[in-house]
Structures are given as C-alpha cells and as structure tokens.
C-alpha cells in the first residue's frame, strides 16, 4: 500500500471517530421477539440481532446491531432469544458509525433493551 492510501485510510478512521454518534439521523423503539443473536464479521466483529416481527412466513424480518462493548444489552438479548421473550428495543441511526459497531445490513444500532411483560 502506498503512503497516500495509508494516510487516506487513517484519515477516514479518525474522521469517523470524531463524527461517530454526533449526527443522529433517527431513533425509536420497537417491540418484538428475538430470533437470533450472532457475533460475526470479516475484519471487525459485531453483534447482529435478528428480530421476528412475529411474521408467520419468515424466520426474521429486521436486522439490528449492537456495540460489542454493550455487555448488558447483549446479555438481555441472548436471554430473550433463549427464553423466547418479547423485548422493547431502543435504537438509533447515526450518519457515521465506527466499523466495529455496525453491519451494512442492519436497520439501526440498539443501545437499550427491556423485557415486555
């Protein structure tokens, strides 16, 4: 890799770090059943959450992601998946994400989870 390419890549990572979370483009909540939680990724691994939307003909209908450092949310999502409990997720959409926080197929980034009784 040549020097200008390295500088460009480092500059892009620094720029995304500065802007990450600063420019929110949307947020919301959803109530749903967790179909699966996986830890996947080629270079930067990310938690990917599949929600069912209680759709009768498909296994899952929405894909979200969770920051790998958000252990509390990941634990609640895995417990909800294992016990087939409904959850209320709180999510946000930002203009820029760090690569290890987001997967391209995801709808949004989950930052909080509550069980629905």
Protein backbone atom coordinates (compact mmCIF):
# COMPACT_ATOMS: atom_id res chain seq x y z
CA UNK A 1 0.00 0.00 0.00
CA UNK A 2 1.42 3.39 -0.87
CA UNK A 3 1.77 6.31 1.54
CA UNK A 4 -1.18 8.41 0.25
CA UNK A 5 -3.52 5.41 0.56
CA UNK A 6 -2.41 4.78 4.15
CA UNK A 7 -2.91 8.45 5.01
CA UNK A 8 -6.39 8.36 3.43
CA UNK A 9 -7.44 5.25 5.41
CA UNK A 10 -6.11 6.65 8.70
CA UNK A 11 -7.77 10.00 7.98
CA UNK A 12 -11.12 8.34 7.28
CA UNK A 13 -10.94 6.36 10.54
CA UNK A 14 -10.08 9.50 12.52
CA UNK A 15 -12.86 11.47 10.82
CA UNK A 16 -15.43 8.75 11.52
CA UNK A 17 -14.29 8.58 15.16
CA UNK A 18 -14.80 12.32 15.56
CA UNK A 19 -18.27 12.30 13.94
CA UNK A 20 -19.46 8.95 15.37
CA UNK A 21 -22.67 9.47 17.29
CA UNK A 22 -22.62 13.23 16.72
CA UNK A 23 -25.04 13.34 13.81
CA UNK A 24 -28.16 11.37 14.66
CA UNK A 25 -30.49 10.77 11.73
CA UNK A 26 -33.24 8.96 13.63
CA UNK A 27 -34.19 6.94 16.68
CA UNK A 28 -37.09 4.93 18.00
CA UNK A 29 -38.37 1.85 19.75
CA UNK A 30 -39.77 -1.48 18.65
CA UNK A 31 -41.40 -4.40 20.46
CA UNK A 32 -40.51 -7.77 19.04
CA UNK A 33 -39.25 -11.31 19.65
CA UNK A 34 -35.55 -12.03 19.23
CA UNK A 35 -34.94 -14.73 16.61
CA UNK A 36 -31.15 -14.84 16.85
CA UNK A 37 -28.08 -13.03 18.15
CA UNK A 38 -24.77 -13.68 16.42
CA UNK A 39 -21.23 -12.35 16.68
CA UNK A 40 -19.99 -12.04 13.13
CA UNK A 41 -17.81 -10.05 10.79
CA UNK A 42 -14.87 -10.46 8.47
CA UNK A 43 -12.49 -7.86 9.87
CA UNK A 44 -14.39 -6.11 12.67
CA UNK A 45 -16.76 -8.42 14.51
CA UNK A 46 -20.17 -7.05 15.51
CA UNK A 47 -23.21 -8.42 17.32
CA UNK A 48 -26.05 -8.85 14.85
CA UNK A 49 -29.61 -9.16 16.17
CA UNK A 50 -32.44 -10.68 14.14
CA UNK A 51 -35.98 -9.78 15.23
CA UNK A 52 -39.01 -11.80 14.16
CA UNK A 53 -41.60 -9.06 13.88
CA UNK A 54 -43.85 -12.02 14.70
CA UNK A 55 -44.19 -12.63 10.99
CA UNK A 56 -45.83 -16.01 10.24
CA UNK A 57 -43.99 -16.77 6.98
CA UNK A 58 -40.41 -15.65 7.66
CA UNK A 59 -37.91 -16.50 10.37
CA UNK A 60 -36.89 -12.88 10.83
CA UNK A 61 -37.77 -9.55 9.31
CA UNK A 62 -35.44 -6.96 10.80
CA UNK A 63 -31.71 -6.90 11.44
CA UNK A 64 -30.16 -4.64 14.05
CA UNK A 65 -26.68 -4.38 15.50
CA UNK A 66 -25.27 -3.86 18.98
CA UNK A 67 -21.95 -2.35 20.01
CA UNK A 68 -19.75 -5.25 21.15
CA UNK A 69 -18.87 -3.32 24.32
CA UNK A 70 -22.52 -3.06 25.42
CA UNK A 71 -22.47 -6.27 27.51
CA UNK A 72 -25.72 -5.56 29.35
CA UNK A 73 -27.75 -5.23 26.14
CA UNK A 74 -26.13 -8.30 24.58
CA UNK A 75 -26.89 -10.39 27.69
CA UNK A 76 -30.55 -9.32 27.73
CA UNK A 77 -30.94 -10.05 24.00
CA UNK A 78 -29.37 -13.51 24.35
CA UNK A 79 -31.62 -14.31 27.33
CA UNK A 80 -34.67 -13.11 25.38
CA UNK A 81 -33.67 -15.32 22.45
CA UNK A 82 -33.16 -18.37 24.69
CA UNK A 83 -36.44 -17.85 26.57
CA UNK A 84 -38.46 -16.57 23.58
CA UNK A 85 -39.44 -13.40 25.43
CA UNK A 86 -40.60 -10.20 23.84
CA UNK A 87 -38.37 -7.17 24.24
CA UNK A 88 -38.63 -3.46 23.66
CA UNK A 89 -35.53 -2.24 21.90
CA UNK A 90 -34.36 1.34 21.78
CA UNK A 91 -32.34 2.14 18.69
CA UNK A 92 -30.60 5.00 16.97
CA UNK A 93 -29.48 5.80 13.45
CA UNK A 94 -26.38 7.92 13.03
CA UNK A 95 -24.77 9.37 9.95
CA UNK A 96 -21.40 7.76 10.77
CA UNK A 97 -20.61 4.57 12.68
CA UNK A 98 -17.32 3.01 13.65
CA UNK A 99 -16.79 -0.18 11.62
CA UNK A 100 -16.95 -2.45 14.69
CA UNK A 101 -20.34 -1.04 15.73
CA UNK A 102 -22.40 -1.67 12.65
CA UNK A 103 -23.09 -4.19 9.92
CA UNK A 104 -24.22 -2.97 6.48
CA UNK A 105 -27.48 -4.98 6.52
CA UNK A 106 -28.67 -3.56 9.83
CA UNK A 107 -31.58 -1.19 10.25
CA UNK A 108 -30.12 0.61 13.29
CA UNK A 109 -27.92 0.34 16.40
CA UNK A 110 -29.60 -0.97 19.58
CA UNK A 111 -28.48 0.85 22.72
CA UNK A 112 -31.08 -0.29 25.30
CA UNK A 113 -33.36 -3.31 25.84
CA UNK A 114 -36.24 -4.01 28.23
CA UNK A 115 -38.35 -7.13 28.70
CA UNK A 116 -42.01 -6.71 27.83
CA UNK A 117 -44.40 -8.28 30.33
